[in-house]
N, C-alpha and C. Protein backbone atom coordinates (compact mmCIF):
# COMPACT_ATOMS: atom_id res chain seq x y z
N MET A 1 0.84 -1.18 -0.01
CA MET A 1 -0.05 0.04 -0.03
C MET A 1 0.92 1.23 0.03
N PRO A 2 0.73 2.16 -0.90
CA PRO A 2 1.48 3.35 -0.91
C PRO A 2 1.23 4.26 0.28
N VAL A 3 2.26 5.04 0.70
CA VAL A 3 2.06 5.87 1.88
C VAL A 3 2.35 7.27 1.46
N SER A 4 1.75 8.24 2.11
CA SER A 4 2.02 9.59 1.82
C SER A 4 3.40 10.00 2.12
N PRO A 5 4.02 10.88 1.32
CA PRO A 5 5.37 11.27 1.63
C PRO A 5 5.41 12.00 2.96
N ILE A 6 6.45 11.84 3.71
CA ILE A 6 6.63 12.48 5.01
C ILE A 6 8.08 12.93 5.12
N SER A 7 8.27 14.21 5.54
CA SER A 7 9.62 14.71 5.69
C SER A 7 10.25 14.22 6.99
N PRO A 8 11.50 13.95 7.00
CA PRO A 8 12.18 13.49 8.25
C PRO A 8 12.27 14.62 9.26
N LEU A 9 12.55 14.31 10.51
CA LEU A 9 12.70 15.28 11.57
C LEU A 9 13.80 16.25 11.19
N THR A 10 13.61 17.56 11.41
CA THR A 10 14.66 18.55 11.30
C THR A 10 15.64 18.39 12.52
N GLU A 11 16.74 19.03 12.34
CA GLU A 11 17.75 19.02 13.47
C GLU A 11 17.11 19.69 14.69
N LEU A 12 16.35 20.75 14.46
CA LEU A 12 15.71 21.43 15.65
C LEU A 12 14.69 20.53 16.29
N GLU A 13 13.90 19.87 15.47
CA GLU A 13 12.92 18.92 16.00
C GLU A 13 13.56 17.81 16.74
N LYS A 14 14.71 17.29 16.22
CA LYS A 14 15.45 16.21 16.95
C LYS A 14 15.90 16.72 18.22
N ASP A 15 16.47 17.92 18.24
CA ASP A 15 17.06 18.50 19.48
C ASP A 15 15.92 18.66 20.58
N ALA A 16 14.75 19.11 20.13
CA ALA A 16 13.65 19.27 21.05
C ALA A 16 13.20 17.95 21.59
N LEU A 17 13.07 16.99 20.66
CA LEU A 17 12.59 15.62 21.11
C LEU A 17 13.71 14.90 22.01
N ALA A 18 14.95 15.20 21.67
CA ALA A 18 16.07 14.65 22.52
C ALA A 18 15.93 15.18 23.94
N GLU A 19 15.56 16.49 24.07
CA GLU A 19 15.44 17.09 25.34
C GLU A 19 14.35 16.45 26.16
N VAL A 20 13.18 16.41 25.53
CA VAL A 20 12.07 15.72 26.21
C VAL A 20 12.30 14.29 26.53
N SER A 21 12.96 13.64 25.60
CA SER A 21 13.28 12.18 25.87
C SER A 21 14.19 11.95 27.03
N ASN A 22 15.22 12.80 27.14
CA ASN A 22 16.15 12.69 28.30
C ASN A 22 15.46 13.00 29.64
N ILE A 23 14.58 14.03 29.63
CA ILE A 23 13.79 14.28 30.84
C ILE A 23 12.85 13.18 31.18
N ALA A 24 12.17 12.65 30.19
CA ALA A 24 11.20 11.52 30.42
C ALA A 24 11.85 10.28 30.95
N MET A 25 12.99 9.94 30.28
CA MET A 25 13.68 8.66 30.74
C MET A 25 14.33 8.75 32.01
N ALA A 26 14.80 10.02 32.42
CA ALA A 26 15.31 10.28 33.70
C ALA A 26 14.18 10.05 34.81
N GLY A 27 13.03 10.56 34.48
CA GLY A 27 11.93 10.35 35.40
C GLY A 27 11.43 8.83 35.48
N ALA A 28 11.51 8.17 34.38
CA ALA A 28 11.12 6.77 34.36
C ALA A 28 12.14 5.96 35.11
N ALA A 29 13.45 6.24 34.90
CA ALA A 29 14.49 5.53 35.55
C ALA A 29 14.38 5.69 37.09
N SER A 30 14.08 6.87 37.51
CA SER A 30 13.95 7.11 38.98
C SER A 30 12.76 6.27 39.54
N SER A 31 11.67 6.24 38.79
CA SER A 31 10.55 5.44 39.31
C SER A 31 10.84 3.95 39.29
N LEU A 32 11.50 3.46 38.24
CA LEU A 32 11.87 2.07 38.20
C LEU A 32 12.91 1.73 39.23
N ARG A 33 13.78 2.63 39.55
CA ARG A 33 14.80 2.43 40.54
C ARG A 33 14.15 2.02 41.87
N LYS A 34 13.11 2.79 42.26
CA LYS A 34 12.36 2.63 43.52
C LYS A 34 11.63 1.22 43.45
N MET A 35 11.24 0.81 42.27
CA MET A 35 10.46 -0.41 42.17
C MET A 35 11.39 -1.69 42.24
N VAL A 36 12.52 -1.60 41.59
CA VAL A 36 13.45 -2.82 41.49
C VAL A 36 14.54 -2.78 42.57
N LYS A 37 14.74 -1.64 43.21
CA LYS A 37 15.82 -1.50 44.25
C LYS A 37 17.17 -1.72 43.66
N HIS A 38 17.33 -1.33 42.37
CA HIS A 38 18.69 -1.39 41.75
C HIS A 38 18.82 -0.13 40.91
N GLU A 39 20.10 0.09 40.62
CA GLU A 39 20.43 1.24 39.74
C GLU A 39 19.83 0.98 38.29
N VAL A 40 19.12 1.95 37.81
CA VAL A 40 18.49 1.83 36.48
C VAL A 40 18.94 2.95 35.57
N LYS A 41 19.45 2.71 34.38
CA LYS A 41 19.84 3.70 33.46
C LYS A 41 19.03 3.47 32.16
N LEU A 42 18.46 4.59 31.68
CA LEU A 42 17.71 4.61 30.47
C LEU A 42 18.22 5.65 29.51
N SER A 43 18.44 5.31 28.29
CA SER A 43 18.93 6.38 27.38
C SER A 43 18.24 6.18 26.00
N VAL A 44 18.18 7.19 25.32
CA VAL A 44 17.54 7.19 24.04
C VAL A 44 18.55 7.60 22.91
N PRO A 45 19.18 6.59 22.26
CA PRO A 45 20.15 6.96 21.22
C PRO A 45 19.61 7.67 19.97
N SER A 46 18.35 7.39 19.64
CA SER A 46 17.84 8.01 18.43
C SER A 46 16.29 8.11 18.47
N VAL A 47 15.87 9.16 17.72
CA VAL A 47 14.43 9.46 17.60
C VAL A 47 14.21 9.77 16.07
N GLU A 48 13.17 9.18 15.53
CA GLU A 48 12.94 9.37 14.13
C GLU A 48 11.45 9.13 13.83
N ILE A 49 10.97 9.67 12.72
CA ILE A 49 9.60 9.40 12.27
C ILE A 49 9.74 8.39 11.16
N LEU A 50 8.90 7.29 11.29
CA LEU A 50 8.96 6.23 10.30
C LEU A 50 7.51 5.95 9.81
N THR A 51 7.46 5.30 8.62
CA THR A 51 6.21 4.75 8.19
C THR A 51 5.98 3.48 8.98
N GLN A 52 4.75 2.90 8.91
CA GLN A 52 4.47 1.65 9.57
C GLN A 52 5.44 0.57 9.04
N GLN A 53 5.66 0.55 7.76
CA GLN A 53 6.39 -0.53 7.17
C GLN A 53 7.91 -0.38 7.65
N ALA A 54 8.43 0.83 7.71
CA ALA A 54 9.80 0.99 8.19
C ALA A 54 9.87 0.64 9.71
N ALA A 55 8.86 1.02 10.50
CA ALA A 55 8.90 0.69 11.94
C ALA A 55 8.82 -0.78 12.10
N LEU A 56 8.05 -1.55 11.27
CA LEU A 56 7.94 -3.02 11.38
C LEU A 56 9.34 -3.59 11.08
N GLN A 57 10.07 -3.04 10.05
CA GLN A 57 11.37 -3.60 9.70
C GLN A 57 12.38 -3.31 10.84
N ALA A 58 12.21 -2.17 11.57
CA ALA A 58 13.13 -1.91 12.61
C ALA A 58 12.99 -2.84 13.80
N VAL A 59 11.77 -3.38 14.00
CA VAL A 59 11.56 -4.29 15.21
C VAL A 59 11.67 -5.77 14.76
N SER A 60 11.69 -6.05 13.47
CA SER A 60 11.73 -7.38 12.96
C SER A 60 13.13 -7.82 12.73
N ARG A 61 13.53 -8.97 13.22
CA ARG A 61 14.77 -9.58 13.11
C ARG A 61 14.62 -11.07 12.79
N PRO A 62 15.55 -11.76 12.01
CA PRO A 62 15.38 -13.15 11.86
C PRO A 62 15.28 -13.96 13.12
N ASP A 63 15.95 -13.54 14.04
CA ASP A 63 15.83 -14.25 15.40
C ASP A 63 14.86 -13.66 16.33
N ASN A 64 13.98 -12.77 15.79
CA ASN A 64 13.04 -12.08 16.65
C ASN A 64 11.66 -12.12 16.02
N SER A 65 11.19 -13.35 15.73
CA SER A 65 9.90 -13.50 15.08
C SER A 65 8.69 -13.17 16.01
N LYS A 66 8.94 -13.15 17.35
CA LYS A 66 7.88 -12.81 18.31
C LYS A 66 8.32 -11.61 19.10
N ILE A 67 7.36 -10.76 19.35
CA ILE A 67 7.67 -9.63 20.17
C ILE A 67 6.66 -9.54 21.34
N VAL A 68 7.05 -8.78 22.35
CA VAL A 68 6.16 -8.53 23.51
C VAL A 68 6.11 -6.99 23.51
N ALA A 69 4.88 -6.48 23.64
CA ALA A 69 4.68 -4.95 23.75
C ALA A 69 3.70 -4.59 24.76
N VAL A 70 3.90 -3.44 25.37
CA VAL A 70 2.97 -2.82 26.22
C VAL A 70 2.29 -1.74 25.56
N ARG A 71 0.97 -1.68 25.47
CA ARG A 71 0.23 -0.71 24.70
C ARG A 71 -0.60 0.14 25.60
N GLN A 72 -0.53 1.42 25.41
CA GLN A 72 -1.45 2.40 26.05
C GLN A 72 -1.87 3.41 24.99
N ASP A 73 -3.25 3.59 24.83
CA ASP A 73 -3.74 4.59 23.97
C ASP A 73 -3.73 5.96 24.63
N PHE A 74 -3.50 7.07 23.93
CA PHE A 74 -3.57 8.40 24.53
C PHE A 74 -4.53 9.23 23.74
N SER A 75 -5.20 10.20 24.32
CA SER A 75 -6.14 11.11 23.65
C SER A 75 -6.08 12.48 24.21
N GLY A 76 -6.56 13.42 23.49
CA GLY A 76 -6.50 14.83 23.80
C GLY A 76 -6.41 15.55 22.55
N ILE A 77 -5.57 16.66 22.51
CA ILE A 77 -5.38 17.32 21.23
C ILE A 77 -4.56 16.48 20.29
N LEU A 78 -3.77 15.63 20.91
CA LEU A 78 -3.08 14.48 20.09
C LEU A 78 -3.72 13.17 20.53
N ALA A 79 -3.99 12.26 19.56
CA ALA A 79 -4.49 10.95 19.86
C ALA A 79 -3.71 9.96 19.11
N GLY A 80 -3.48 8.78 19.72
CA GLY A 80 -2.75 7.74 19.10
C GLY A 80 -2.47 6.61 20.10
N ARG A 81 -1.36 5.94 19.83
CA ARG A 81 -1.03 4.79 20.68
C ARG A 81 0.45 4.81 21.07
N ALA A 82 0.69 4.53 22.33
CA ALA A 82 2.12 4.48 22.81
C ALA A 82 2.43 3.00 23.04
N LEU A 83 3.60 2.65 22.63
CA LEU A 83 4.00 1.25 22.73
C LEU A 83 5.42 1.11 23.30
N LEU A 84 5.64 0.20 24.21
CA LEU A 84 6.96 -0.23 24.66
C LEU A 84 7.19 -1.58 24.12
N ILE A 85 8.13 -1.84 23.33
CA ILE A 85 8.34 -3.00 22.54
C ILE A 85 9.68 -3.73 22.79
N PHE A 86 9.63 -5.01 23.05
CA PHE A 86 10.84 -5.86 23.20
C PHE A 86 10.76 -7.10 22.33
N PRO A 87 11.90 -7.62 21.88
CA PRO A 87 11.94 -9.01 21.49
C PRO A 87 11.54 -9.94 22.63
N GLU A 88 10.94 -11.05 22.40
CA GLU A 88 10.43 -11.86 23.43
C GLU A 88 11.49 -12.25 24.46
N ALA A 89 12.76 -12.58 23.99
CA ALA A 89 13.83 -12.98 24.89
C ALA A 89 14.22 -11.79 25.79
N SER A 90 14.20 -10.64 25.27
CA SER A 90 14.54 -9.42 26.02
C SER A 90 13.50 -9.11 27.11
N SER A 91 12.23 -9.36 26.79
CA SER A 91 11.18 -9.13 27.78
C SER A 91 11.36 -10.01 29.03
N LEU A 92 11.77 -11.29 28.83
CA LEU A 92 11.94 -12.17 29.97
C LEU A 92 13.18 -11.67 30.76
N GLU A 93 14.17 -11.25 30.03
CA GLU A 93 15.35 -10.71 30.81
C GLU A 93 15.01 -9.46 31.58
N LEU A 94 14.14 -8.57 31.04
CA LEU A 94 13.68 -7.42 31.77
C LEU A 94 12.90 -7.78 32.97
N VAL A 95 12.03 -8.74 32.84
CA VAL A 95 11.21 -9.25 34.03
C VAL A 95 12.10 -9.80 35.04
N ARG A 96 13.09 -10.55 34.65
CA ARG A 96 14.08 -11.13 35.67
C ARG A 96 14.74 -10.03 36.43
N ALA A 97 15.09 -8.99 35.74
CA ALA A 97 15.77 -7.80 36.35
C ALA A 97 14.91 -7.09 37.30
N VAL A 98 13.52 -7.05 36.95
CA VAL A 98 12.53 -6.33 37.75
C VAL A 98 12.19 -7.10 38.92
N VAL A 99 11.91 -8.42 38.79
CA VAL A 99 11.39 -9.20 39.95
C VAL A 99 12.45 -9.87 40.78
N GLY A 100 13.74 -9.98 40.27
CA GLY A 100 14.81 -10.55 41.01
C GLY A 100 15.18 -11.90 40.59
N ASN A 101 16.42 -12.28 40.79
CA ASN A 101 16.92 -13.54 40.32
C ASN A 101 16.62 -14.69 41.28
N GLU A 102 16.13 -14.38 42.45
CA GLU A 102 15.91 -15.41 43.47
C GLU A 102 14.64 -16.28 43.08
N LEU A 103 13.83 -15.76 42.14
CA LEU A 103 12.64 -16.50 41.76
C LEU A 103 12.91 -17.58 40.73
N SER A 104 12.12 -18.66 40.75
CA SER A 104 12.23 -19.74 39.75
C SER A 104 11.77 -19.15 38.34
N ILE A 105 12.15 -19.89 37.27
CA ILE A 105 11.68 -19.47 36.02
C ILE A 105 10.10 -19.52 35.89
N ASP A 106 9.55 -20.46 36.51
CA ASP A 106 8.12 -20.69 36.55
C ASP A 106 7.46 -19.50 37.23
N ASP A 107 8.01 -19.03 38.37
CA ASP A 107 7.43 -17.83 39.03
C ASP A 107 7.64 -16.65 38.28
N ILE A 108 8.73 -16.48 37.57
CA ILE A 108 8.99 -15.33 36.70
C ILE A 108 7.98 -15.22 35.61
N ILE A 109 7.69 -16.39 35.00
CA ILE A 109 6.77 -16.41 33.92
C ILE A 109 5.32 -16.09 34.39
N ASP A 110 5.01 -16.56 35.63
CA ASP A 110 3.70 -16.19 36.21
C ASP A 110 3.55 -14.66 36.42
N LEU A 111 4.68 -14.04 36.81
CA LEU A 111 4.65 -12.62 37.06
C LEU A 111 4.96 -11.69 35.87
N GLU A 112 5.21 -12.37 34.71
CA GLU A 112 5.73 -11.64 33.59
C GLU A 112 4.83 -10.54 33.08
N ASP A 113 3.54 -10.84 32.88
CA ASP A 113 2.63 -9.80 32.32
C ASP A 113 2.47 -8.72 33.31
N GLU A 114 2.32 -9.00 34.61
CA GLU A 114 2.20 -8.00 35.61
C GLU A 114 3.40 -7.04 35.63
N ALA A 115 4.51 -7.57 35.61
CA ALA A 115 5.78 -6.82 35.70
C ALA A 115 5.94 -5.98 34.42
N LEU A 116 5.67 -6.59 33.28
CA LEU A 116 5.76 -5.80 32.06
C LEU A 116 4.79 -4.72 32.00
N ALA A 117 3.55 -4.90 32.42
CA ALA A 117 2.52 -3.88 32.42
C ALA A 117 2.90 -2.69 33.34
N GLU A 118 3.46 -3.05 34.46
CA GLU A 118 3.91 -1.98 35.46
C GLU A 118 5.05 -1.26 34.87
N THR A 119 6.08 -1.96 34.27
CA THR A 119 7.17 -1.23 33.69
C THR A 119 6.79 -0.39 32.49
N GLY A 120 5.94 -0.90 31.62
CA GLY A 120 5.46 -0.19 30.53
C GLY A 120 4.72 1.10 30.94
N ASN A 121 3.86 0.94 31.96
CA ASN A 121 3.15 2.08 32.48
C ASN A 121 3.99 3.15 32.98
N ILE A 122 5.06 2.82 33.62
CA ILE A 122 5.95 3.85 34.16
C ILE A 122 6.67 4.56 33.05
N ILE A 123 7.25 3.81 32.12
CA ILE A 123 7.98 4.38 30.96
C ILE A 123 7.05 5.22 30.00
N LEU A 124 5.94 4.61 29.65
CA LEU A 124 5.07 5.30 28.67
C LEU A 124 4.42 6.50 29.28
N ASN A 125 3.93 6.41 30.54
CA ASN A 125 3.35 7.47 31.20
C ASN A 125 4.38 8.62 31.37
N SER A 126 5.60 8.27 31.68
CA SER A 126 6.60 9.31 31.91
C SER A 126 6.87 10.03 30.61
N TRP A 127 6.99 9.27 29.48
CA TRP A 127 7.21 9.89 28.22
C TRP A 127 6.10 10.77 27.73
N VAL A 128 4.91 10.21 27.82
CA VAL A 128 3.73 11.01 27.23
C VAL A 128 3.42 12.18 28.15
N SER A 129 3.53 12.07 29.44
CA SER A 129 3.23 13.20 30.33
C SER A 129 4.32 14.26 30.17
N THR A 130 5.66 13.89 30.06
CA THR A 130 6.68 14.84 29.83
C THR A 130 6.47 15.61 28.49
N LEU A 131 6.05 14.80 27.44
CA LEU A 131 5.80 15.42 26.17
C LEU A 131 4.54 16.40 26.28
N ALA A 132 3.56 15.95 26.99
CA ALA A 132 2.36 16.93 27.16
C ALA A 132 2.75 18.13 27.88
N ASN A 133 3.51 18.05 28.91
CA ASN A 133 3.98 19.26 29.64
C ASN A 133 4.83 20.12 28.74
N MET A 134 5.69 19.54 27.89
CA MET A 134 6.51 20.34 27.05
C MET A 134 5.66 21.11 25.99
N LEU A 135 4.59 20.45 25.56
CA LEU A 135 3.79 21.04 24.54
C LEU A 135 2.56 21.85 25.17
N LYS A 136 2.52 21.80 26.52
CA LYS A 136 1.43 22.52 27.20
C LYS A 136 0.06 22.06 26.81
N GLN A 137 -0.03 20.70 26.70
CA GLN A 137 -1.31 20.05 26.33
C GLN A 137 -1.64 18.97 27.30
N GLY A 138 -2.94 18.75 27.55
CA GLY A 138 -3.32 17.65 28.37
C GLY A 138 -3.56 16.41 27.55
N LEU A 139 -3.02 15.27 27.97
CA LEU A 139 -3.27 13.97 27.26
C LEU A 139 -3.71 12.96 28.34
N LYS A 140 -4.68 12.15 27.97
CA LYS A 140 -5.11 11.08 28.85
C LYS A 140 -4.55 9.79 28.39
N MET A 141 -4.20 8.88 29.30
CA MET A 141 -3.65 7.53 28.95
C MET A 141 -4.59 6.49 29.38
N SER A 142 -4.77 5.46 28.54
CA SER A 142 -5.48 4.29 28.97
C SER A 142 -4.63 3.36 29.83
N LEU A 143 -5.31 2.35 30.42
CA LEU A 143 -4.57 1.32 31.22
C LEU A 143 -3.61 0.48 30.28
N PRO A 144 -2.56 0.02 30.82
CA PRO A 144 -1.65 -0.77 29.91
C PRO A 144 -2.16 -2.15 29.60
N VAL A 145 -1.86 -2.55 28.42
CA VAL A 145 -2.27 -3.90 27.85
C VAL A 145 -1.08 -4.56 27.31
N VAL A 146 -0.76 -5.78 27.74
CA VAL A 146 0.41 -6.56 27.12
C VAL A 146 -0.01 -7.23 25.92
N MET A 147 0.72 -7.10 24.88
CA MET A 147 0.44 -7.78 23.61
C MET A 147 1.60 -8.73 23.30
N ARG A 148 1.31 -9.87 22.63
CA ARG A 148 2.35 -10.88 22.32
C ARG A 148 1.98 -11.37 20.88
N GLY A 149 3.08 -11.82 20.27
CA GLY A 149 2.91 -12.56 18.99
C GLY A 149 3.67 -11.86 17.84
N GLY A 150 3.12 -11.84 16.70
CA GLY A 150 3.83 -11.26 15.55
C GLY A 150 3.74 -9.79 15.53
N HIS A 151 4.14 -9.20 14.32
CA HIS A 151 4.26 -7.73 14.30
C HIS A 151 3.13 -7.10 13.44
N ASP A 152 2.30 -7.89 12.82
CA ASP A 152 1.41 -7.39 11.77
C ASP A 152 0.57 -6.18 12.24
N GLN A 153 -0.09 -6.28 13.36
CA GLN A 153 -1.04 -5.30 13.87
C GLN A 153 -0.42 -4.28 14.79
N LEU A 154 0.89 -4.38 15.05
CA LEU A 154 1.52 -3.60 16.09
C LEU A 154 1.28 -2.06 15.92
N PHE A 155 1.42 -1.56 14.70
CA PHE A 155 1.35 -0.16 14.55
C PHE A 155 0.00 0.41 13.94
N GLN A 156 -1.03 -0.44 14.07
CA GLN A 156 -2.34 -0.06 13.56
C GLN A 156 -3.07 0.74 14.70
N VAL A 157 -3.67 1.73 14.33
CA VAL A 157 -4.56 2.54 15.16
C VAL A 157 -5.95 2.55 14.63
N PRO A 158 -6.95 2.13 15.37
CA PRO A 158 -8.31 2.08 14.79
C PRO A 158 -8.71 3.35 14.15
N ALA A 159 -9.46 3.10 12.96
CA ALA A 159 -10.07 4.26 12.23
C ALA A 159 -9.07 5.16 11.51
N ALA A 160 -7.81 4.67 11.37
CA ALA A 160 -6.82 5.49 10.66
C ALA A 160 -6.42 4.67 9.40
N ASN A 161 -6.38 5.30 8.28
CA ASN A 161 -5.97 4.67 7.02
C ASN A 161 -4.45 4.47 7.00
N GLU A 162 -3.73 5.55 7.35
CA GLU A 162 -2.30 5.58 7.35
C GLU A 162 -1.81 6.00 8.71
N ASN A 163 -0.83 5.25 9.24
CA ASN A 163 -0.21 5.66 10.51
C ASN A 163 1.28 5.92 10.33
N PHE A 164 1.78 6.80 11.06
CA PHE A 164 3.22 7.08 11.20
C PHE A 164 3.68 6.91 12.62
N VAL A 165 4.92 6.58 12.74
CA VAL A 165 5.42 6.23 14.03
C VAL A 165 6.60 7.14 14.49
N LEU A 166 6.39 7.80 15.59
CA LEU A 166 7.54 8.48 16.27
C LEU A 166 8.32 7.41 17.04
N PHE A 167 9.52 7.03 16.59
CA PHE A 167 10.19 5.83 16.97
C PHE A 167 11.47 6.14 17.78
N LEU A 168 11.50 5.60 19.01
CA LEU A 168 12.60 5.86 19.86
C LEU A 168 13.27 4.51 20.13
N ARG A 169 14.61 4.46 19.91
CA ARG A 169 15.37 3.27 20.35
C ARG A 169 15.77 3.60 21.83
N ILE A 170 15.55 2.66 22.67
CA ILE A 170 16.01 2.89 24.09
C ILE A 170 16.87 1.80 24.55
N ARG A 171 17.80 2.16 25.42
CA ARG A 171 18.71 1.21 26.09
C ARG A 171 18.42 1.15 27.58
N PHE A 172 18.24 -0.04 28.16
CA PHE A 172 18.08 -0.21 29.56
C PHE A 172 19.34 -0.84 30.17
N GLU A 173 19.71 -0.36 31.28
CA GLU A 173 20.66 -1.11 32.13
C GLU A 173 20.08 -1.22 33.56
N ILE A 174 19.75 -2.47 33.92
CA ILE A 174 19.05 -2.75 35.23
C ILE A 174 19.82 -3.84 35.85
N SER A 175 20.40 -3.60 37.00
CA SER A 175 21.04 -4.70 37.80
C SER A 175 21.99 -5.53 36.89
N GLN A 176 22.87 -4.82 36.18
CA GLN A 176 23.94 -5.45 35.27
C GLN A 176 23.31 -6.04 34.04
N ALA A 177 22.03 -6.01 33.81
CA ALA A 177 21.39 -6.56 32.64
C ALA A 177 21.37 -5.40 31.62
N LYS A 178 21.77 -5.61 30.38
CA LYS A 178 21.63 -4.62 29.34
C LYS A 178 20.66 -5.13 28.29
N ILE A 179 19.56 -4.36 28.15
CA ILE A 179 18.45 -4.68 27.37
C ILE A 179 18.08 -3.63 26.50
N GLN A 180 17.83 -3.94 25.18
CA GLN A 180 17.44 -2.97 24.21
C GLN A 180 15.94 -3.11 23.84
N GLY A 181 15.27 -1.97 23.63
CA GLY A 181 13.88 -2.07 23.24
C GLY A 181 13.52 -0.82 22.46
N PHE A 182 12.22 -0.54 22.31
CA PHE A 182 11.79 0.58 21.61
C PHE A 182 10.60 1.21 22.23
N VAL A 183 10.43 2.44 22.11
CA VAL A 183 9.20 3.22 22.45
C VAL A 183 8.69 3.77 21.13
N ALA A 184 7.46 3.61 20.88
CA ALA A 184 6.84 4.12 19.64
C ALA A 184 5.59 4.89 19.95
N LEU A 185 5.36 5.99 19.37
CA LEU A 185 4.05 6.70 19.43
C LEU A 185 3.55 6.61 18.03
N VAL A 186 2.38 6.03 17.84
CA VAL A 186 1.73 5.79 16.61
C VAL A 186 0.65 6.81 16.42
N MET A 187 0.73 7.61 15.27
CA MET A 187 -0.27 8.66 15.08
C MET A 187 -0.59 8.65 13.57
N ASP A 188 -1.82 9.08 13.25
CA ASP A 188 -2.20 9.29 11.85
C ASP A 188 -1.53 10.64 11.36
N LEU A 189 -1.66 10.88 10.03
CA LEU A 189 -0.98 12.01 9.46
C LEU A 189 -1.46 13.34 10.04
N PRO A 190 -2.83 13.56 10.16
CA PRO A 190 -3.27 14.84 10.70
C PRO A 190 -2.70 15.06 12.16
N THR A 191 -2.68 14.07 12.96
CA THR A 191 -2.22 14.14 14.34
C THR A 191 -0.71 14.43 14.34
N LEU A 192 0.06 13.77 13.40
CA LEU A 192 1.43 14.03 13.33
C LEU A 192 1.70 15.43 12.86
N ASP A 193 0.91 15.92 11.96
CA ASP A 193 1.11 17.35 11.54
C ASP A 193 0.82 18.31 12.70
N GLU A 194 -0.20 18.00 13.53
CA GLU A 194 -0.48 18.82 14.71
C GLU A 194 0.74 18.71 15.69
N PHE A 195 1.25 17.57 15.93
CA PHE A 195 2.34 17.27 16.77
C PHE A 195 3.56 18.13 16.32
N ARG A 196 3.81 18.17 15.06
CA ARG A 196 4.98 18.99 14.59
C ARG A 196 4.76 20.42 14.74
N ALA A 197 3.57 20.83 14.62
CA ALA A 197 3.25 22.26 14.78
C ALA A 197 3.44 22.65 16.28
N LEU A 198 3.06 21.78 17.13
CA LEU A 198 3.32 22.03 18.58
C LEU A 198 4.80 22.11 18.91
N ILE A 199 5.55 21.19 18.30
CA ILE A 199 6.92 21.21 18.53
C ILE A 199 7.60 22.56 17.98
N ALA A 200 7.10 23.00 16.79
CA ALA A 200 7.55 24.23 16.26
C ALA A 200 7.33 25.42 17.17
N ARG A 201 6.09 25.39 17.83
CA ARG A 201 5.82 26.41 18.79
C ARG A 201 6.72 26.38 19.98
N PHE A 202 6.97 25.15 20.46
CA PHE A 202 7.87 24.99 21.58
C PHE A 202 9.26 25.49 21.25
N ILE A 203 9.78 25.26 20.06
CA ILE A 203 11.08 25.66 19.65
C ILE A 203 11.15 27.23 19.57
N LYS A 204 10.09 27.83 19.04
CA LYS A 204 9.98 29.23 18.91
C LYS A 204 10.05 29.89 20.26
N GLU A 205 9.32 29.32 21.25
CA GLU A 205 9.23 29.88 22.59
C GLU A 205 10.50 29.75 23.37
N HIS A 206 11.36 28.65 23.05
CA HIS A 206 12.51 28.37 23.79
C HIS A 206 13.78 28.56 23.04
N GLY A 207 13.61 29.13 21.79
CA GLY A 207 14.76 29.28 20.86
C GLY A 207 15.77 30.33 21.33
C-alpha cells in the first residue's frame, strides 16, 4: 500500500525531542529504581519518524519472530497509541531484572505480564506526560495492555488509514542486565502534523 510522503525530523525537532526524551527517561528511571531496588539507566540513542512498514522492519529480526509490547492509547489534542516493545527474549530478561533472580523461571513467567505492564506504564506515562508538559497540552492515557505474537497489527490505530510512528530506540541497564527495546508513538498524518506544529511552537518559545 503506498504511503503519503513525509519529511524526516529537522535537526531542531530532533534536539527538542532529545530534550524531552532525556527528561522523560530520567523520570522513568527514577521510578523504576524505586520499584526494583537497583540502579536503572535509560537512554535514547535515536528518535525518528517512520512509516508503519519501516517501523516494522526496525523491530523485525530473523531471530526475533515474536515480540512483546505494552500498549497504552492516549487522547486529547493529540491521539494515538504508545508502545513499549521488546523481542520476546529481552522481555523475559527485563522481567528477571525487575522481579529478582531469586525466583524460579516458573514464578517469573507467572509474574511476567504484571511486571511488564507495570514497567510499561511507568515508561510510557513518563514519556507521554513529559511530552504533554513540554507542549502545554493535556493527554489522557488508557490502562496498559500486554500484547504478544507477531508484528502485523503492532502499529495499527483504529479508524486510521495511514499511521506514522515516532520511533525511539531505548537502552536499559538494570542490575547489570543490558536490554534494548523501543518506544513508539503511533499517530495518523493529521495528528502528526499537529504534533510537529506544537513542536515548532515549543522551539520558537525556547529558541
